[in-house]
N, C-alpha and C. Protein backbone atom coordinates (compact mmCIF):
# COMPACT_ATOMS: atom_id res chain seq x y z
N MET A 1 0.86 -1.19 0.04
CA MET A 1 -0.02 0.01 -0.02
C MET A 1 0.86 1.25 -0.01
N SER A 2 2.10 1.20 0.48
CA SER A 2 2.88 2.42 0.60
C SER A 2 3.13 3.09 -0.75
N GLN A 3 3.10 2.31 -1.86
CA GLN A 3 3.28 3.03 -3.14
C GLN A 3 2.14 3.80 -3.50
N HIS A 4 0.89 3.65 -2.95
CA HIS A 4 -0.23 4.42 -3.16
C HIS A 4 -0.32 5.67 -2.30
N THR A 5 0.37 5.73 -1.27
CA THR A 5 0.23 6.86 -0.28
C THR A 5 0.98 8.06 -0.69
N ALA A 6 2.05 7.97 -1.35
CA ALA A 6 2.84 9.13 -1.74
C ALA A 6 2.35 9.71 -3.02
N LEU A 7 2.27 11.02 -3.15
CA LEU A 7 1.95 11.70 -4.40
C LEU A 7 3.16 12.05 -5.07
N ASN A 8 3.16 11.87 -6.44
CA ASN A 8 4.35 12.24 -7.19
C ASN A 8 4.35 13.78 -7.31
N GLU A 9 5.38 14.30 -7.89
CA GLU A 9 5.52 15.78 -7.98
C GLU A 9 4.43 16.42 -8.82
N GLN A 10 4.09 15.75 -9.86
CA GLN A 10 3.00 16.28 -10.74
C GLN A 10 1.66 16.34 -10.03
N GLN A 11 1.39 15.26 -9.28
CA GLN A 11 0.09 15.22 -8.48
C GLN A 11 0.13 16.30 -7.37
N GLN A 12 1.29 16.44 -6.72
CA GLN A 12 1.40 17.46 -5.67
C GLN A 12 1.12 18.85 -6.30
N ASN A 13 1.70 19.16 -7.46
CA ASN A 13 1.50 20.45 -8.06
C ASN A 13 0.05 20.66 -8.44
N LYS A 14 -0.66 19.60 -9.00
CA LYS A 14 -2.04 19.73 -9.36
C LYS A 14 -2.88 20.04 -8.16
N LEU A 15 -2.59 19.28 -7.07
CA LEU A 15 -3.35 19.55 -5.85
C LEU A 15 -3.07 20.95 -5.22
N VAL A 16 -1.82 21.34 -5.19
CA VAL A 16 -1.53 22.74 -4.71
C VAL A 16 -2.17 23.77 -5.50
N ASN A 17 -2.23 23.58 -6.87
CA ASN A 17 -2.78 24.56 -7.75
C ASN A 17 -4.31 24.66 -7.46
N LYS A 18 -4.96 23.62 -7.34
CA LYS A 18 -6.42 23.57 -7.09
C LYS A 18 -6.75 24.25 -5.74
N VAL A 19 -6.01 23.90 -4.67
CA VAL A 19 -6.24 24.43 -3.36
C VAL A 19 -5.92 25.90 -3.37
N SER A 20 -4.84 26.23 -4.00
CA SER A 20 -4.37 27.69 -4.07
C SER A 20 -5.45 28.55 -4.71
N ALA A 21 -6.00 28.10 -5.85
CA ALA A 21 -7.05 28.79 -6.61
C ALA A 21 -8.27 29.04 -5.79
N ILE A 22 -8.69 28.01 -5.04
CA ILE A 22 -9.86 28.14 -4.17
C ILE A 22 -9.55 29.07 -3.07
N ARG A 23 -8.45 28.95 -2.43
CA ARG A 23 -8.14 29.88 -1.30
C ARG A 23 -7.94 31.32 -1.78
N PHE A 24 -7.32 31.48 -2.95
CA PHE A 24 -7.22 32.86 -3.50
C PHE A 24 -8.59 33.54 -3.70
N ASN A 25 -9.51 32.76 -4.28
CA ASN A 25 -10.82 33.36 -4.44
C ASN A 25 -11.50 33.61 -3.13
N LEU A 26 -11.37 32.71 -2.20
CA LEU A 26 -11.89 32.99 -0.90
C LEU A 26 -11.34 34.29 -0.25
N GLY A 27 -10.03 34.44 -0.43
CA GLY A 27 -9.31 35.57 0.21
C GLY A 27 -9.66 36.88 -0.46
N ILE A 28 -10.08 36.94 -1.69
CA ILE A 28 -10.45 38.19 -2.30
C ILE A 28 -11.99 38.40 -2.26
N GLY A 29 -12.67 37.39 -1.61
CA GLY A 29 -14.13 37.64 -1.49
C GLY A 29 -14.93 37.12 -2.65
N ASN A 30 -14.26 36.39 -3.59
CA ASN A 30 -15.03 35.90 -4.70
C ASN A 30 -15.57 34.44 -4.36
N PHE A 31 -16.56 34.49 -3.48
CA PHE A 31 -17.03 33.27 -2.86
C PHE A 31 -17.71 32.31 -3.88
N ASP A 32 -18.45 32.92 -4.87
CA ASP A 32 -19.09 32.02 -5.83
C ASP A 32 -18.05 31.31 -6.68
N GLU A 33 -17.04 31.98 -7.09
CA GLU A 33 -16.00 31.26 -7.94
C GLU A 33 -15.28 30.23 -7.04
N ALA A 34 -15.02 30.53 -5.75
CA ALA A 34 -14.37 29.55 -4.84
C ALA A 34 -15.26 28.35 -4.79
N LYS A 35 -16.57 28.51 -4.58
CA LYS A 35 -17.49 27.37 -4.49
C LYS A 35 -17.43 26.53 -5.71
N GLN A 36 -17.55 27.15 -6.83
CA GLN A 36 -17.53 26.47 -8.08
C GLN A 36 -16.29 25.63 -8.28
N ARG A 37 -15.14 26.23 -7.95
CA ARG A 37 -13.86 25.55 -8.08
C ARG A 37 -13.85 24.39 -7.13
N ALA A 38 -14.34 24.56 -5.92
CA ALA A 38 -14.27 23.51 -4.93
C ALA A 38 -15.11 22.32 -5.33
N PHE A 39 -16.34 22.63 -5.84
CA PHE A 39 -17.20 21.51 -6.28
C PHE A 39 -16.76 20.82 -7.53
N SER A 40 -15.99 21.44 -8.40
CA SER A 40 -15.54 20.84 -9.58
C SER A 40 -14.21 20.14 -9.42
N ALA A 41 -13.57 20.45 -8.27
CA ALA A 41 -12.16 20.03 -8.06
C ALA A 41 -12.10 18.45 -7.99
N GLU A 42 -12.94 17.79 -7.32
CA GLU A 42 -12.86 16.35 -7.18
C GLU A 42 -12.88 15.70 -8.56
N GLN A 43 -13.85 15.99 -9.32
CA GLN A 43 -14.00 15.40 -10.67
C GLN A 43 -12.77 15.74 -11.50
N SER A 44 -12.35 16.91 -11.41
CA SER A 44 -11.22 17.35 -12.18
C SER A 44 -9.94 16.63 -11.76
N LEU A 45 -9.74 16.41 -10.43
CA LEU A 45 -8.59 15.72 -9.98
C LEU A 45 -8.64 14.21 -10.43
N ILE A 46 -9.83 13.65 -10.44
CA ILE A 46 -10.01 12.29 -10.85
C ILE A 46 -9.58 12.18 -12.37
N GLU A 47 -10.12 13.13 -13.18
CA GLU A 47 -9.86 13.12 -14.58
C GLU A 47 -8.41 13.30 -14.85
N GLU A 48 -7.74 14.04 -14.04
CA GLU A 48 -6.33 14.30 -14.27
C GLU A 48 -5.41 13.20 -13.64
N GLY A 49 -6.01 12.15 -13.09
CA GLY A 49 -5.24 10.99 -12.65
C GLY A 49 -4.77 11.05 -11.21
N MET A 50 -5.37 11.97 -10.37
CA MET A 50 -4.97 12.07 -9.01
C MET A 50 -5.29 10.73 -8.25
N SER A 51 -4.43 10.33 -7.40
CA SER A 51 -4.69 9.15 -6.53
C SER A 51 -5.74 9.53 -5.59
N PRO A 52 -6.44 8.46 -5.04
CA PRO A 52 -7.48 8.65 -4.04
C PRO A 52 -6.89 9.39 -2.76
N PHE A 53 -5.60 9.10 -2.44
CA PHE A 53 -5.02 9.84 -1.33
C PHE A 53 -4.90 11.29 -1.59
N GLY A 54 -4.57 11.71 -2.84
CA GLY A 54 -4.55 13.11 -3.13
C GLY A 54 -5.91 13.80 -2.95
N ILE A 55 -6.91 13.08 -3.34
CA ILE A 55 -8.29 13.59 -3.27
C ILE A 55 -8.73 13.74 -1.79
N ILE A 56 -8.30 12.74 -1.04
CA ILE A 56 -8.65 12.81 0.44
C ILE A 56 -7.90 14.02 1.01
N THR A 57 -6.66 14.25 0.59
CA THR A 57 -5.86 15.33 1.07
C THR A 57 -6.60 16.68 0.71
N PHE A 58 -7.15 16.75 -0.47
CA PHE A 58 -8.00 17.95 -0.83
C PHE A 58 -9.08 18.16 0.21
N TYR A 59 -9.80 17.04 0.53
CA TYR A 59 -10.91 17.15 1.46
C TYR A 59 -10.49 17.39 2.89
N GLU A 60 -9.23 17.21 3.19
CA GLU A 60 -8.72 17.52 4.57
C GLU A 60 -8.65 19.03 4.81
N HIS A 61 -8.59 19.76 3.74
CA HIS A 61 -8.33 21.21 3.81
C HIS A 61 -9.56 22.11 3.37
N ILE A 62 -10.10 21.79 2.28
CA ILE A 62 -11.05 22.76 1.66
C ILE A 62 -12.31 22.99 2.47
N PRO A 63 -12.99 21.92 2.99
CA PRO A 63 -14.18 22.18 3.77
C PRO A 63 -13.97 23.08 4.97
N MET A 64 -12.83 22.96 5.62
CA MET A 64 -12.51 23.76 6.75
C MET A 64 -12.33 25.26 6.30
N ASP A 65 -11.79 25.47 5.10
CA ASP A 65 -11.65 26.83 4.66
C ASP A 65 -13.02 27.52 4.50
N PHE A 66 -13.99 26.83 4.06
CA PHE A 66 -15.32 27.41 3.96
C PHE A 66 -15.93 27.56 5.33
N ALA A 67 -15.75 26.60 6.21
CA ALA A 67 -16.25 26.71 7.63
C ALA A 67 -15.64 27.97 8.26
N ASN A 68 -14.36 28.18 8.02
CA ASN A 68 -13.70 29.36 8.67
C ASN A 68 -14.24 30.67 8.22
N ILE A 69 -14.91 30.76 7.15
CA ILE A 69 -15.53 32.02 6.68
C ILE A 69 -17.03 32.00 7.02
N GLY A 70 -17.45 30.94 7.71
CA GLY A 70 -18.84 30.87 8.11
C GLY A 70 -19.79 30.25 7.11
N ASP A 71 -19.26 29.72 6.03
CA ASP A 71 -20.08 29.08 5.05
C ASP A 71 -20.18 27.53 5.36
N PHE A 72 -20.98 27.27 6.41
CA PHE A 72 -21.08 25.87 6.88
C PHE A 72 -21.86 24.99 5.88
N ASP A 73 -22.76 25.64 5.13
CA ASP A 73 -23.49 24.85 4.13
C ASP A 73 -22.60 24.26 3.09
N THR A 74 -21.70 25.10 2.49
CA THR A 74 -20.73 24.54 1.54
C THR A 74 -19.78 23.64 2.20
N ALA A 75 -19.34 23.85 3.35
CA ALA A 75 -18.45 22.98 4.07
C ALA A 75 -19.12 21.57 4.22
N ALA A 76 -20.39 21.58 4.67
CA ALA A 76 -21.07 20.29 4.82
C ALA A 76 -21.29 19.59 3.51
N LYS A 77 -21.63 20.36 2.46
CA LYS A 77 -21.77 19.69 1.12
C LYS A 77 -20.47 19.08 0.66
N LEU A 78 -19.35 19.78 0.91
CA LEU A 78 -18.04 19.18 0.49
C LEU A 78 -17.75 17.93 1.28
N LEU A 79 -18.10 17.94 2.55
CA LEU A 79 -17.83 16.80 3.34
C LEU A 79 -18.77 15.57 2.95
N ASN A 80 -19.96 15.99 2.50
CA ASN A 80 -20.83 14.86 1.93
C ASN A 80 -20.20 14.26 0.68
N SER A 81 -19.63 15.12 -0.17
CA SER A 81 -18.88 14.68 -1.29
C SER A 81 -17.70 13.78 -0.87
N CYS A 82 -17.00 14.19 0.11
CA CYS A 82 -15.89 13.35 0.64
C CYS A 82 -16.39 11.98 1.11
N LEU A 83 -17.43 11.95 1.85
CA LEU A 83 -18.00 10.70 2.30
C LEU A 83 -18.44 9.81 1.08
N ALA A 84 -19.06 10.42 0.09
CA ALA A 84 -19.44 9.62 -1.09
C ALA A 84 -18.20 9.11 -1.83
N PHE A 85 -17.09 9.94 -1.91
CA PHE A 85 -15.90 9.51 -2.53
C PHE A 85 -15.30 8.37 -1.78
N LEU A 86 -15.26 8.45 -0.47
CA LEU A 86 -14.70 7.36 0.31
C LEU A 86 -15.48 6.06 0.07
N ASP A 87 -16.80 6.16 0.11
CA ASP A 87 -17.64 5.01 -0.10
C ASP A 87 -17.41 4.37 -1.51
N ASN A 88 -17.28 5.26 -2.51
CA ASN A 88 -17.09 4.78 -3.86
C ASN A 88 -15.69 4.19 -4.14
N ASN A 89 -14.75 4.45 -3.24
CA ASN A 89 -13.32 4.01 -3.33
C ASN A 89 -12.92 3.13 -2.21
N LYS A 90 -13.92 2.55 -1.57
CA LYS A 90 -13.59 1.77 -0.30
C LYS A 90 -12.56 0.75 -0.54
N THR A 91 -12.58 0.06 -1.64
CA THR A 91 -11.62 -1.06 -1.82
C THR A 91 -10.14 -0.57 -1.95
N PHE A 92 -9.95 0.72 -2.26
CA PHE A 92 -8.62 1.21 -2.43
C PHE A 92 -7.85 1.38 -1.05
N PHE A 93 -8.65 1.68 -0.03
CA PHE A 93 -8.08 2.00 1.26
C PHE A 93 -8.13 0.75 2.20
N GLU A 94 -7.19 0.65 3.08
CA GLU A 94 -7.20 -0.44 4.05
C GLU A 94 -8.38 -0.16 5.01
N ASP A 95 -8.93 -1.20 5.54
CA ASP A 95 -10.18 -1.10 6.33
C ASP A 95 -10.00 -0.15 7.50
N ALA A 96 -8.90 -0.19 8.21
CA ALA A 96 -8.75 0.69 9.38
C ALA A 96 -8.60 2.11 8.98
N PHE A 97 -7.86 2.37 7.92
CA PHE A 97 -7.73 3.72 7.42
C PHE A 97 -9.07 4.25 6.92
N TYR A 98 -9.74 3.51 6.16
CA TYR A 98 -11.07 3.92 5.59
C TYR A 98 -12.02 4.25 6.73
N SER A 99 -12.11 3.33 7.69
CA SER A 99 -13.04 3.61 8.85
C SER A 99 -12.69 4.85 9.59
N ARG A 100 -11.46 5.14 9.85
CA ARG A 100 -11.01 6.26 10.62
C ARG A 100 -11.27 7.53 9.81
N ILE A 101 -10.93 7.59 8.52
CA ILE A 101 -11.14 8.78 7.77
C ILE A 101 -12.66 9.04 7.59
N ARG A 102 -13.43 7.99 7.38
CA ARG A 102 -14.90 8.15 7.25
C ARG A 102 -15.49 8.65 8.56
N GLU A 103 -14.98 8.22 9.68
CA GLU A 103 -15.46 8.69 10.97
C GLU A 103 -15.16 10.21 11.18
N LEU A 104 -13.93 10.53 10.82
CA LEU A 104 -13.55 11.90 10.98
C LEU A 104 -14.35 12.85 10.07
N ALA A 105 -14.61 12.39 8.85
CA ALA A 105 -15.38 13.21 7.91
C ALA A 105 -16.80 13.28 8.36
N GLU A 106 -17.38 12.19 8.83
CA GLU A 106 -18.75 12.20 9.26
C GLU A 106 -18.91 13.13 10.53
N ASN A 107 -17.95 13.08 11.46
CA ASN A 107 -17.95 13.92 12.61
C ASN A 107 -17.88 15.42 12.22
N ALA A 108 -17.05 15.72 11.27
CA ALA A 108 -16.94 17.06 10.82
C ALA A 108 -18.15 17.55 10.13
N ARG A 109 -18.77 16.64 9.31
CA ARG A 109 -19.99 17.03 8.69
C ARG A 109 -21.13 17.28 9.71
N GLN A 110 -21.23 16.49 10.75
CA GLN A 110 -22.20 16.65 11.81
C GLN A 110 -21.95 18.01 12.52
N ASN A 111 -20.67 18.33 12.71
CA ASN A 111 -20.38 19.65 13.40
C ASN A 111 -20.77 20.89 12.51
N MET A 112 -20.56 20.70 11.19
CA MET A 112 -21.02 21.72 10.27
C MET A 112 -22.53 21.90 10.33
N LEU A 113 -23.20 20.82 10.37
CA LEU A 113 -24.65 20.86 10.35
C LEU A 113 -25.15 21.47 11.65
N MET A 114 -24.49 21.20 12.76
CA MET A 114 -24.90 21.84 14.01
C MET A 114 -24.66 23.30 13.97
N GLN A 115 -23.44 23.70 13.38
CA GLN A 115 -23.18 25.13 13.28
C GLN A 115 -24.19 25.88 12.41
N MET A 116 -24.64 25.21 11.38
CA MET A 116 -25.69 25.86 10.52
C MET A 116 -26.98 26.09 11.30
N ASN A 117 -27.25 25.21 12.21
CA ASN A 117 -28.56 25.30 13.01
C ASN A 117 -28.45 26.20 14.21
N THR A 118 -27.32 26.84 14.46
CA THR A 118 -27.16 27.73 15.61
C THR A 118 -27.34 29.17 15.24
């Protein structure tokens, strides 16, 4: 499994570029563009050959960026996408890793939903 965990330089650059573009748009207040980029990033990363670990890395960061600006709805939707991605790629991950990541994502999603209701 270790050969699947490391991202090559090209994958790292793709991931950094996607995350940077989303964060740049958030930083300048272009929230609609940031949302559009965030929601299209997973499919784009898949089409560009990103490993599932790279996509999970994307989901480790981007939902929290939206939560930090108070957009809990977008954060929760991104976490829902993360959960769906995990479920669709379950066979790629070791059982313990899958279960832990899914648990963390589900807990984060529940926290976002609670924040939206307060």
